[in-house]
Amino acid sequence: MTQLIKSVLVLLAASVSLIQAQAPGKPSPSPSPKPPPPPCLIKDIRQMDVSGCTCEPHSSKCDKTGCMTCKANIENRHTKHCAVGCTDDDKECQGCGLWFSTLCNCLKYQDCKHTGTITPHGDSIFVLTNNGEQLITTTDLLPGILEARNATRYEPGWRFAQEHYNRANQALALNSVRSRTHEQFHIHVCNRPNSTDPRILDILDNIPKSQHIYGKDLKKVGNHDDLYCRTIEKGQTPIVYDFVTAIDAILDDKTLNEVGKICHGFAGAGIIQDSHGNVWACVTGNREGPLFRFCEGQK
């Protein structure tokens, strides 16, 4: 009898457990949520392998003061240090948002125009961003004009830029160390200056044809010590070739590397068509940078 009672009690306990497990409204235990992907780091973006990480929103301005170049303050250094370029510590900084956010998202969603193929661990490419400003950048970790000295590697960036601007109403400009706001190489595609504020066109439009500068070398324009250019005459193929080599020659000329000429920290570059249909490719050395000369409304 005792054994029978024990068996009945065991069956009752099992039935109660089964009823409780099947009771309506009782939620089943949910699995633990997956942790969010880690932020994308420099190596992920360089390798174009961002599927397993998150592109950062660059929400922090990261103003860095006290940085100098060519005896002048750098007013727009938005990273955590005065050294040029971006590090993983700068992934939330506005000065590296082009790399960690804009370029990263171009790679993740593959919705930006680009050279080559977006392939993890593939060859580096140039990209035309599609978020706000139109900028040409690269998957090489490259601070700017002073580091873009390899013509074989970086001339395609200028070719790509020239394929994606309208000469009739746009210009191209690569900022200087002092004037840039991003510590990652980028060529601006911007609106040309207008007749009310012609900027560099006030110089180029008024150069007599006899003083145009032909050939691949850049030469001083008139009495402007901080402006070296070459001309492609109207009617010729309006593509500037070997621009990186020409920029290098100016940067390598030690007689120019001083304030008032082409001091390296002020050196910028630009391409623009003048009002007569001639194309000019130039290196600039003004304190404000090339955007101030080549682009409408820039200060």
C-alpha atoms as a PDB file:
ATOM      1  CA  MET A   1       0.000   0.000   0.000  1.00  0.00           C
ATOM      2  CA  THR A   2       2.785   2.419   0.925  1.00  0.00           C
ATOM      3  CA  GLN A   3       4.487   1.808  -2.416  1.00  0.00           C
ATOM      4  CA  LEU A   4       1.198   2.468  -4.257  1.00  0.00           C
ATOM      5  CA  ILE A   5       0.735   5.802  -2.446  1.00  0.00           C
ATOM      6  CA  LYS A   6       4.282   6.862  -3.371  1.00  0.00           C
ATOM      7  CA  SER A   7       3.664   6.023  -7.021  1.00  0.00           C
ATOM      8  CA  VAL A   8       0.418   8.038  -7.054  1.00  0.00           C
ATOM      9  CA  LEU A   9       2.179  11.052  -5.491  1.00  0.00           C
ATOM     10  CA  VAL A  10       4.963  10.926  -8.098  1.00  0.00           C
ATOM     11  CA  LEU A  11       2.379  10.852 -10.915  1.00  0.00           C
ATOM     12  CA  LEU A  12       0.484  13.795  -9.393  1.00  0.00           C
ATOM     13  CA  ALA A  13       3.677  15.858  -9.094  1.00  0.00           C
ATOM     14  CA  ALA A  14       4.563  15.162 -12.726  1.00  0.00           C
ATOM     15  CA  SER A  15       1.033  16.139 -13.841  1.00  0.00           C
ATOM     16  CA  VAL A  16       1.193  19.436 -11.942  1.00  0.00           C
ATOM     17  CA  SER A  17       4.564  20.261 -13.531  1.00  0.00           C
ATOM     18  CA  LEU A  18       3.170  19.478 -16.994  1.00  0.00           C
ATOM     19  CA  ILE A  19       0.069  21.646 -16.418  1.00  0.00           C
ATOM     20  CA  GLN A  20       2.197  24.540 -15.177  1.00  0.00           C
ATOM     21  CA  ALA A  21       4.495  24.289 -18.177  1.00  0.00           C
ATOM     22  CA  GLN A  22       1.470  24.389 -20.525  1.00  0.00           C
ATOM     23  CA  ALA A  23      -0.408  27.123 -18.664  1.00  0.00           C
ATOM     24  CA  PRO A  24      -1.546  29.898 -21.048  1.00  0.00           C
ATOM     25  CA  GLY A  25       0.204  33.261 -20.732  1.00  0.00           C
ATOM     26  CA  LYS A  26       3.354  31.940 -19.159  1.00  0.00           C
ATOM     27  CA  PRO A  27       6.233  33.139 -21.365  1.00  0.00           C
ATOM     28  CA  SER A  28       9.024  30.807 -22.267  1.00  0.00           C
ATOM     29  CA  PRO A  29      12.484  31.939 -21.280  1.00  0.00           C
ATOM     30  CA  SER A  30      13.934  34.240 -24.003  1.00  0.00           C
ATOM     31  CA  PRO A  31      17.484  33.760 -25.197  1.00  0.00           C
ATOM     32  CA  SER A  32      20.069  36.285 -24.051  1.00  0.00           C
ATOM     33  CA  PRO A  33      20.395  39.193 -26.537  1.00  0.00           C
ATOM     34  CA  LYS A  34      23.447  39.165 -28.753  1.00  0.00           C
ATOM     35  CA  PRO A  35      25.991  41.846 -27.904  1.00  0.00           C
ATOM     36  CA  PRO A  36      26.206  44.643 -30.508  1.00  0.00           C
ATOM     37  CA  PRO A  37      29.008  44.399 -33.066  1.00  0.00           C
ATOM     38  CA  PRO A  38      32.222  46.179 -32.068  1.00  0.00           C
ATOM     39  CA  PRO A  39      33.078  49.531 -33.685  1.00  0.00           C
ATOM     40  CA  CYS A  40      34.978  49.306 -36.956  1.00  0.00           C
ATOM     41  CA  LEU A  41      38.679  49.953 -36.501  1.00  0.00           C
ATOM     42  CA  ILE A  42      41.266  51.268 -38.926  1.00  0.00           C
ATOM     43  CA  LYS A  43      42.325  47.775 -39.994  1.00  0.00           C
ATOM     44  CA  ASP A  44      38.721  46.815 -40.828  1.00  0.00           C
ATOM     45  CA  ILE A  45      38.235  49.810 -43.121  1.00  0.00           C
ATOM     46  CA  ARG A  46      41.662  49.518 -44.738  1.00  0.00           C
ATOM     47  CA  GLN A  47      40.914  45.878 -45.495  1.00  0.00           C
ATOM     48  CA  MET A  48      37.361  46.758 -46.680  1.00  0.00           C
ATOM     49  CA  ASP A  49      36.010  44.121 -44.298  1.00  0.00           C
ATOM     50  CA  VAL A  50      33.303  45.912 -42.277  1.00  0.00           C
ATOM     51  CA  SER A  51      30.494  43.340 -42.264  1.00  0.00           C
ATOM     52  CA  GLY A  52      31.124  42.354 -38.649  1.00  0.00           C
ATOM     53  CA  CYS A  53      31.533  45.800 -37.094  1.00  0.00           C
ATOM     54  CA  THR A  54      29.659  49.100 -36.666  1.00  0.00           C
ATOM     55  CA  CYS A  55      30.541  52.358 -38.439  1.00  0.00           C
ATOM     56  CA  GLU A  56      30.958  55.120 -35.848  1.00  0.00           C
ATOM     57  CA  PRO A  57      28.724  58.247 -35.918  1.00  0.00           C
ATOM     58  CA  HIS A  58      31.598  60.710 -35.079  1.00  0.00           C
ATOM     59  CA  SER A  59      29.445  62.497 -32.511  1.00  0.00           C
ATOM     60  CA  SER A  60      32.302  64.221 -30.659  1.00  0.00           C
ATOM     61  CA  LYS A  61      33.936  67.362 -32.058  1.00  0.00           C
ATOM     62  CA  CYS A  62      37.295  66.607 -30.369  1.00  0.00           C
ATOM     63  CA  ASP A  63      38.705  70.123 -30.719  1.00  0.00           C
ATOM     64  CA  LYS A  64      42.483  70.008 -30.331  1.00  0.00           C
ATOM     65  CA  THR A  65      44.100  73.373 -29.719  1.00  0.00           C
ATOM     66  CA  GLY A  66      47.723  74.463 -29.805  1.00  0.00           C
ATOM     67  CA  CYS A  67      48.586  72.662 -33.056  1.00  0.00           C
ATOM     68  CA  MET A  68      50.897  74.609 -35.384  1.00  0.00           C
ATOM     69  CA  THR A  69      52.160  74.485 -38.950  1.00  0.00           C
ATOM     70  CA  CYS A  70      54.200  77.056 -40.887  1.00  0.00           C
ATOM     71  CA  LYS A  71      54.259  79.230 -37.737  1.00  0.00           C
ATOM     72  CA  ALA A  72      50.446  79.438 -37.768  1.00  0.00           C
ATOM     73  CA  ASN A  73      47.714  77.896 -35.625  1.00  0.00           C
ATOM     74  CA  ILE A  74      45.764  74.986 -37.071  1.00  0.00           C
ATOM     75  CA  GLU A  75      42.226  76.155 -36.354  1.00  0.00           C
ATOM     76  CA  ASN A  76      40.290  73.057 -37.426  1.00  0.00           C
ATOM     77  CA  ARG A  77      42.086  70.066 -35.889  1.00  0.00           C
ATOM     78  CA  HIS A  78      39.180  67.916 -34.693  1.00  0.00           C
ATOM     79  CA  THR A  79      41.113  64.921 -33.372  1.00  0.00           C
ATOM     80  CA  LYS A  80      42.640  64.064 -30.003  1.00  0.00           C
ATOM     81  CA  HIS A  81      46.204  64.945 -30.993  1.00  0.00           C
ATOM     82  CA  CYS A  82      48.280  67.343 -33.077  1.00  0.00           C
ATOM     83  CA  ALA A  83      49.920  64.601 -35.126  1.00  0.00           C
ATOM     84  CA  VAL A  84      48.463  64.307 -38.628  1.00  0.00           C
ATOM     85  CA  GLY A  85      46.126  61.473 -39.555  1.00  0.00           C
ATOM     86  CA  CYS A  86      43.589  59.323 -37.721  1.00  0.00           C
ATOM     87  CA  THR A  87      44.055  56.652 -35.068  1.00  0.00           C
ATOM     88  CA  ASP A  88      41.578  54.237 -33.519  1.00  0.00           C
ATOM     89  CA  ASP A  89      41.348  56.618 -30.547  1.00  0.00           C
ATOM     90  CA  ASP A  90      39.762  59.181 -32.912  1.00  0.00           C
ATOM     91  CA  LYS A  91      36.894  56.974 -34.082  1.00  0.00           C
ATOM     92  CA  GLU A  92      34.236  59.198 -32.457  1.00  0.00           C
ATOM     93  CA  CYS A  93      35.877  62.489 -33.516  1.00  0.00           C
ATOM     94  CA  GLN A  94      34.546  64.731 -36.268  1.00  0.00           C
ATOM     95  CA  GLY A  95      38.039  65.103 -37.700  1.00  0.00           C
ATOM     96  CA  CYS A  96      38.053  61.384 -38.525  1.00  0.00           C
ATOM     97  CA  GLY A  97      34.362  61.005 -39.346  1.00  0.00           C
ATOM     98  CA  LEU A  98      35.182  60.769 -43.044  1.00  0.00           C
ATOM     99  CA  TRP A  99      37.119  57.560 -42.330  1.00  0.00           C
ATOM    100  CA  PHE A 100      35.209  55.889 -39.497  1.00  0.00           C
ATOM    101  CA  SER A 101      31.696  56.901 -40.587  1.00  0.00           C
ATOM    102  CA  THR A 102      31.290  58.118 -44.181  1.00  0.00           C
ATOM    103  CA  LEU A 103      33.825  55.868 -45.907  1.00  0.00           C
ATOM    104  CA  CYS A 104      32.957  52.969 -43.611  1.00  0.00           C
ATOM    105  CA  ASN A 105      29.268  53.209 -44.582  1.00  0.00           C
ATOM    106  CA  CYS A 106      30.177  53.449 -48.272  1.00  0.00           C
ATOM    107  CA  LEU A 107      31.965  50.122 -47.883  1.00  0.00           C
ATOM    108  CA  LYS A 108      29.228  48.535 -45.777  1.00  0.00           C
ATOM    109  CA  TYR A 109      26.299  49.439 -48.059  1.00  0.00           C
ATOM    110  CA  GLN A 110      28.271  49.720 -51.329  1.00  0.00           C
ATOM    111  CA  ASP A 111      26.119  52.658 -52.449  1.00  0.00           C
ATOM    112  CA  CYS A 112      28.924  55.102 -53.370  1.00  0.00           C
ATOM    113  CA  LYS A 113      30.669  55.457 -56.724  1.00  0.00           C
ATOM    114  CA  HIS A 114      34.172  54.026 -56.577  1.00  0.00           C
ATOM    115  CA  THR A 115      37.125  52.722 -58.525  1.00  0.00           C
ATOM    116  CA  GLY A 116      38.036  49.048 -58.549  1.00  0.00           C
ATOM    117  CA  THR A 117      36.107  46.464 -56.557  1.00  0.00           C
ATOM    118  CA  ILE A 118      34.996  46.470 -52.923  1.00  0.00           C
ATOM    119  CA  THR A 119      36.446  43.145 -51.841  1.00  0.00           C
ATOM    120  CA  PRO A 120      37.682  42.251 -48.341  1.00  0.00           C
ATOM    121  CA  HIS A 121      41.489  42.341 -48.336  1.00  0.00           C
ATOM    122  CA  GLY A 122      41.465  43.596 -51.944  1.00  0.00           C
ATOM    123  CA  ASP A 123      43.397  46.463 -53.522  1.00  0.00           C
ATOM    124  CA  SER A 124      42.724  49.971 -52.206  1.00  0.00           C
ATOM    125  CA  ILE A 125      40.099  52.042 -54.012  1.00  0.00           C
ATOM    126  CA  PHE A 126      38.954  55.652 -54.365  1.00  0.00           C
ATOM    127  CA  VAL A 127      35.405  56.526 -53.343  1.00  0.00           C
ATOM    128  CA  LEU A 128      33.053  59.449 -54.076  1.00  0.00           C
ATOM    129  CA  THR A 129      31.051  59.984 -50.887  1.00  0.00           C
ATOM    130  CA  ASN A 130      27.285  60.456 -51.077  1.00  0.00           C
ATOM    131  CA  ASN A 131      26.569  61.952 -47.658  1.00  0.00           C
ATOM    132  CA  GLY A 132      26.527  65.774 -47.626  1.00  0.00           C
ATOM    133  CA  GLU A 133      29.711  67.160 -49.171  1.00  0.00           C
ATOM    134  CA  GLN A 134      30.983  65.444 -52.293  1.00  0.00           C
ATOM    135  CA  LEU A 135      34.450  64.189 -51.406  1.00  0.00           C
ATOM    136  CA  ILE A 136      36.873  61.837 -53.125  1.00  0.00           C
ATOM    137  CA  THR A 137      38.724  59.723 -50.564  1.00  0.00           C
ATOM    138  CA  THR A 138      40.569  56.412 -50.437  1.00  0.00           C
ATOM    139  CA  THR A 139      40.738  53.227 -48.396  1.00  0.00           C
ATOM    140  CA  ASP A 140      44.432  53.924 -47.865  1.00  0.00           C
ATOM    141  CA  LEU A 141      44.978  55.498 -44.450  1.00  0.00           C
ATOM    142  CA  LEU A 142      46.317  58.747 -45.881  1.00  0.00           C
ATOM    143  CA  PRO A 143      46.284  62.069 -43.985  1.00  0.00           C
ATOM    144  CA  GLY A 144      46.549  64.430 -46.947  1.00  0.00           C
ATOM    145  CA  ILE A 145      48.518  66.107 -49.707  1.00  0.00           C
ATOM    146  CA  LEU A 146      51.955  65.746 -48.083  1.00  0.00           C
ATOM    147  CA  GLU A 147      51.603  61.963 -47.831  1.00  0.00           C
ATOM    148  CA  ALA A 148      50.113  61.444 -51.319  1.00  0.00           C
ATOM    149  CA  ARG A 149      53.544  61.389 -52.967  1.00  0.00           C
ATOM    150  CA  ASN A 150      53.278  58.078 -54.833  1.00  0.00           C
ATOM    151  CA  ALA A 151      52.129  58.956 -58.357  1.00  0.00           C
ATOM    152  CA  THR A 152      51.411  55.353 -59.350  1.00  0.00           C
ATOM    153  CA  ARG A 153      49.161  54.893 -56.342  1.00  0.00           C
ATOM    154  CA  TYR A 154      47.469  58.295 -56.045  1.00  0.00           C
ATOM    155  CA  GLU A 155      47.274  59.748 -59.563  1.00  0.00           C
ATOM    156  CA  PRO A 156      44.161  57.583 -60.159  1.00  0.00           C
ATOM    157  CA  GLY A 157      42.432  59.598 -57.425  1.00  0.00           C
ATOM    158  CA  TRP A 158      42.788  62.810 -59.427  1.00  0.00           C
ATOM    159  CA  ARG A 159      41.665  61.007 -62.591  1.00  0.00           C
ATOM    160  CA  PHE A 160      38.612  59.647 -60.759  1.00  0.00           C
ATOM    161  CA  ALA A 161      37.830  63.129 -59.404  1.00  0.00           C
ATOM    162  CA  GLN A 162      38.027  64.636 -62.899  1.00  0.00           C
ATOM    163  CA  GLU A 163      35.549  62.031 -64.126  1.00  0.00           C
ATOM    164  CA  HIS A 164      33.050  63.082 -61.460  1.00  0.00           C
ATOM    165  CA  TYR A 165      32.886  66.851 -61.637  1.00  0.00           C
ATOM    166  CA  ASN A 166      31.258  69.236 -64.094  1.00  0.00           C
ATOM    167  CA  ARG A 167      33.921  71.650 -65.343  1.00  0.00           C
ATOM    168  CA  ALA A 168      31.294  74.199 -66.353  1.00  0.00           C
ATOM    169  CA  ASN A 169      30.172  74.866 -62.792  1.00  0.00           C
ATOM    170  CA  GLN A 170      32.371  72.872 -60.410  1.00  0.00           C
ATOM    171  CA  ALA A 171      36.002  72.724 -59.305  1.00  0.00           C
ATOM    172  CA  LEU A 172      38.271  70.311 -57.407  1.00  0.00           C
ATOM    173  CA  ALA A 173      40.288  71.197 -54.314  1.00  0.00           C
ATOM    174  CA  LEU A 174      42.607  69.259 -51.982  1.00  0.00           C
ATOM    175  CA  ASN A 175      43.056  71.143 -48.730  1.00  0.00           C
ATOM    176  CA  SER A 176      46.267  71.916 -46.859  1.00  0.00           C
ATOM    177  CA  VAL A 177      47.339  70.673 -43.432  1.00  0.00           C
ATOM    178  CA  ARG A 178      46.264  73.976 -41.901  1.00  0.00           C
ATOM    179  CA  SER A 179      42.905  74.364 -43.632  1.00  0.00           C
ATOM    180  CA  ARG A 180      41.496  70.825 -43.720  1.00  0.00           C
ATOM    181  CA  THR A 181      38.822  69.692 -41.277  1.00  0.00           C
ATOM    182  CA  HIS A 182      39.296  65.929 -41.845  1.00  0.00           C
ATOM    183  CA  GLU A 183      42.534  64.067 -41.170  1.00  0.00           C
ATOM    184  CA  GLN A 184      41.921  61.716 -44.080  1.00  0.00           C
ATOM    185  CA  PHE A 185      42.806  62.520 -47.700  1.00  0.00           C
ATOM    186  CA  HIS A 186      39.873  64.058 -49.577  1.00  0.00           C
ATOM    187  CA  ILE A 187      39.407  66.049 -52.770  1.00  0.00           C
ATOM    188  CA  HIS A 188      36.429  68.408 -52.612  1.00  0.00           C
ATOM    189  CA  VAL A 189      34.010  68.569 -55.538  1.00  0.00           C
ATOM    190  CA  CYS A 190      32.669  72.104 -55.068  1.00  0.00           C
ATOM    191  CA  ASN A 191      30.870  74.885 -56.924  1.00  0.00           C
ATOM    192  CA  ARG A 192      33.081  77.256 -58.924  1.00  0.00           C
ATOM    193  CA  PRO A 193      33.309  80.845 -57.703  1.00  0.00           C
ATOM    194  CA  ASN A 194      30.732  83.189 -59.240  1.00  0.00           C
ATOM    195  CA  SER A 195      31.143  86.547 -60.960  1.00  0.00           C
ATOM    196  CA  THR A 196      30.245  88.417 -57.769  1.00  0.00           C
ATOM    197  CA  ASP A 197      33.091  86.750 -55.876  1.00  0.00           C
ATOM    198  CA  PRO A 198      35.413  85.332 -58.569  1.00  0.00           C
ATOM    199  CA  ARG A 199      38.319  84.418 -56.259  1.00  0.00           C
ATOM    200  CA  ILE A 200      41.018  82.579 -58.240  1.00  0.00           C
ATOM    201  CA  LEU A 201      39.143  83.277 -61.479  1.00  0.00           C
ATOM    202  CA  ASP A 202      39.919  86.940 -60.949  1.00  0.00           C
ATOM    203  CA  ILE A 203      43.551  85.930 -61.506  1.00  0.00           C
ATOM    204  CA  LEU A 204      43.258  83.170 -64.112  1.00  0.00           C
ATOM    205  CA  ASP A 205      40.675  84.900 -66.317  1.00  0.00           C
ATOM    206  CA  ASN A 206      43.000  87.855 -66.758  1.00  0.00           C
ATOM    207  CA  ILE A 207      46.205  86.061 -67.727  1.00  0.00           C
ATOM    208  CA  PRO A 208      47.022  86.755 -71.405  1.00  0.00           C
ATOM    209  CA  LYS A 209      47.186  83.676 -73.604  1.00  0.00           C
ATOM    210  CA  SER A 210      50.853  84.432 -74.235  1.00  0.00           C
ATOM    211  CA  GLN A 211      51.501  83.829 -70.517  1.00  0.00           C
ATOM    212  CA  HIS A 212      49.641  80.530 -70.240  1.00  0.00           C
ATOM    213  CA  ILE A 213      51.766  77.735 -68.791  1.00  0.00           C
ATOM    214  CA  TYR A 214      52.040  74.644 -70.995  1.00  0.00           C
ATOM    215  CA  GLY A 215      53.748  71.351 -70.307  1.00  0.00           C
ATOM    216  CA  LYS A 216      53.539  69.156 -67.214  1.00  0.00           C
ATOM    217  CA  ASP A 217      55.463  71.415 -64.821  1.00  0.00           C
ATOM    218  CA  LEU A 218      53.725  73.950 -62.587  1.00  0.00           C
ATOM    219  CA  LYS A 219      55.123  77.482 -62.756  1.00  0.00           C
ATOM    220  CA  LYS A 220      54.523  80.686 -60.848  1.00  0.00           C
ATOM    221  CA  VAL A 221      51.491  82.642 -62.003  1.00  0.00           C
ATOM    222  CA  GLY A 222      52.319  86.323 -62.553  1.00  0.00           C
ATOM    223  CA  ASN A 223      53.614  87.906 -59.358  1.00  0.00           C
ATOM    224  CA  HIS A 224      51.794  85.444 -57.088  1.00  0.00           C
ATOM    225  CA  ASP A 225      54.514  83.693 -55.081  1.00  0.00           C
ATOM    226  CA  ASP A 226      51.971  81.305 -53.539  1.00  0.00           C
ATOM    227  CA  LEU A 227      50.342  80.111 -56.786  1.00  0.00           C
ATOM    228  CA  TYR A 228      51.934  77.646 -59.247  1.00  0.00           C
ATOM    229  CA  CYS A 229      49.878  76.333 -62.174  1.00  0.00           C
ATOM    230  CA  ARG A 230      49.783  74.780 -65.625  1.00  0.00           C
ATOM    231  CA  THR A 231      47.246  75.342 -68.410  1.00  0.00           C
ATOM    232  CA  ILE A 232      45.259  73.088 -70.705  1.00  0.00           C
ATOM    233  CA  GLU A 233      44.073  75.294 -73.539  1.00  0.00           C
ATOM    234  CA  LYS A 234      40.430  75.330 -74.600  1.00  0.00           C
ATOM    235  CA  GLY A 235      39.931  72.792 -77.380  1.00  0.00           C
ATOM    236  CA  GLN A 236      42.482  70.341 -75.968  1.00  0.00           C
ATOM    237  CA  THR A 237      41.482  67.240 -73.989  1.00  0.00           C
ATOM    238  CA  PRO A 238      40.543  68.858 -70.649  1.00  0.00           C
ATOM    239  CA  ILE A 239      42.124  66.177 -68.446  1.00  0.00           C
ATOM    240  CA  VAL A 240      45.078  66.948 -66.190  1.00  0.00           C
ATOM    241  CA  TYR A 241      47.613  64.120 -66.265  1.00  0.00           C
ATOM    242  CA  ASP A 242      50.632  63.553 -63.990  1.00  0.00           C
ATOM    243  CA  PHE A 243      49.316  65.992 -61.396  1.00  0.00           C
ATOM    244  CA  VAL A 244      50.792  64.118 -58.423  1.00  0.00           C
ATOM    245  CA  THR A 245      54.245  64.255 -60.035  1.00  0.00           C
ATOM    246  CA  ALA A 246      53.853  67.995 -60.632  1.00  0.00           C
ATOM    247  CA  ILE A 247      52.730  68.569 -57.033  1.00  0.00           C
ATOM    248  CA  ASP A 248      55.724  66.568 -55.784  1.00  0.00           C
ATOM    249  CA  ALA A 249      58.115  68.754 -57.774  1.00  0.00           C
ATOM    250  CA  ILE A 250      56.755  71.872 -56.065  1.00  0.00           C
ATOM    251  CA  LEU A 251      56.910  70.271 -52.615  1.00  0.00           C
ATOM    252  CA  ASP A 252      60.469  69.094 -53.276  1.00  0.00           C
ATOM    253  CA  ASP A 253      61.647  72.584 -54.275  1.00  0.00           C
ATOM    254  CA  LYS A 254      63.301  73.706 -51.034  1.00  0.00           C
ATOM    255  CA  THR A 255      63.432  77.331 -52.174  1.00  0.00           C
ATOM    256  CA  LEU A 256      59.614  77.430 -52.029  1.00  0.00           C
ATOM    257  CA  ASN A 257      59.110  75.812 -48.618  1.00  0.00           C
ATOM    258  CA  GLU A 258      58.632  78.980 -46.606  1.00  0.00           C
ATOM    259  CA  VAL A 259      55.789  81.198 -45.487  1.00  0.00           C
ATOM    260  CA  GLY A 260      54.716  83.502 -48.312  1.00  0.00           C
ATOM    261  CA  LYS A 261      55.547  80.917 -50.961  1.00  0.00           C
ATOM    262  CA  ILE A 262      54.530  77.235 -50.761  1.00  0.00           C
ATOM    263  CA  CYS A 263      55.216  76.367 -47.127  1.00  0.00           C
ATOM    264  CA  HIS A 264      54.317  72.685 -46.780  1.00  0.00           C
ATOM    265  CA  GLY A 265      51.671  73.172 -44.105  1.00  0.00           C
ATOM    266  CA  PHE A 266      49.871  75.672 -46.363  1.00  0.00           C
ATOM    267  CA  ALA A 267      50.240  73.630 -49.579  1.00  0.00           C
ATOM    268  CA  GLY A 268      46.999  72.698 -51.304  1.00  0.00           C
ATOM    269  CA  ALA A 269      45.961  71.809 -54.848  1.00  0.00           C
ATOM    270  CA  GLY A 270      43.069  72.441 -57.193  1.00  0.00           C
ATOM    271  CA  ILE A 271      41.724  72.084 -60.729  1.00  0.00           C
ATOM    272  CA  ILE A 272      39.354  74.612 -62.283  1.00  0.00           C
ATOM    273  CA  GLN A 273      38.145  75.804 -65.681  1.00  0.00           C
ATOM    274  CA  ASP A 274      38.393  79.550 -66.227  1.00  0.00           C
ATOM    275  CA  SER A 275      35.714  81.697 -67.858  1.00  0.00           C
ATOM    276  CA  HIS A 276      37.360  81.250 -71.285  1.00  0.00           C
ATOM    277  CA  GLY A 277      37.244  77.433 -71.233  1.00  0.00           C
ATOM    278  CA  ASN A 278      40.889  76.834 -70.265  1.00  0.00           C
ATOM    279  CA  VAL A 279      41.599  74.289 -67.514  1.00  0.00           C
ATOM    280  CA  TRP A 280      44.140  75.135 -64.806  1.00  0.00           C
ATOM    281  CA  ALA A 281      45.831  72.750 -62.369  1.00  0.00           C
ATOM    282  CA  CYS A 282      47.496  74.532 -59.464  1.00  0.00           C
ATOM    283  CA  VAL A 283      49.330  74.234 -56.174  1.00  0.00           C
ATOM    284  CA  THR A 284      48.461  76.964 -53.689  1.00  0.00           C
ATOM    285  CA  GLY A 285      50.310  78.280 -50.647  1.00  0.00           C
ATOM    286  CA  ASN A 286      47.877  80.808 -49.160  1.00  0.00           C
ATOM    287  CA  ARG A 287      47.073  80.579 -45.440  1.00  0.00           C
ATOM    288  CA  GLU A 288      43.348  79.989 -46.025  1.00  0.00           C
ATOM    289  CA  GLY A 289      43.865  76.971 -48.285  1.00  0.00           C
ATOM    290  CA  PRO A 290      42.641  76.129 -51.803  1.00  0.00           C
ATOM    291  CA  LEU A 291      38.923  75.954 -50.976  1.00  0.00           C
ATOM    292  CA  PHE A 292      39.063  79.690 -50.325  1.00  0.00           C
ATOM    293  CA  ARG A 293      40.344  80.205 -53.873  1.00  0.00           C
ATOM    294  CA  PHE A 294      38.667  77.465 -55.913  1.00  0.00           C
ATOM    295  CA  CYS A 295      35.239  77.098 -54.286  1.00  0.00           C
ATOM    296  CA  GLU A 296      32.216  79.338 -54.046  1.00  0.00           C
ATOM    297  CA  GLY A 297      31.307  80.637 -50.603  1.00  0.00           C
ATOM    298  CA  GLN A 298      34.212  79.043 -48.706  1.00  0.00           C
ATOM    299  CA  LYS A 299      35.930  81.147 -46.044  1.00  0.00           C
END
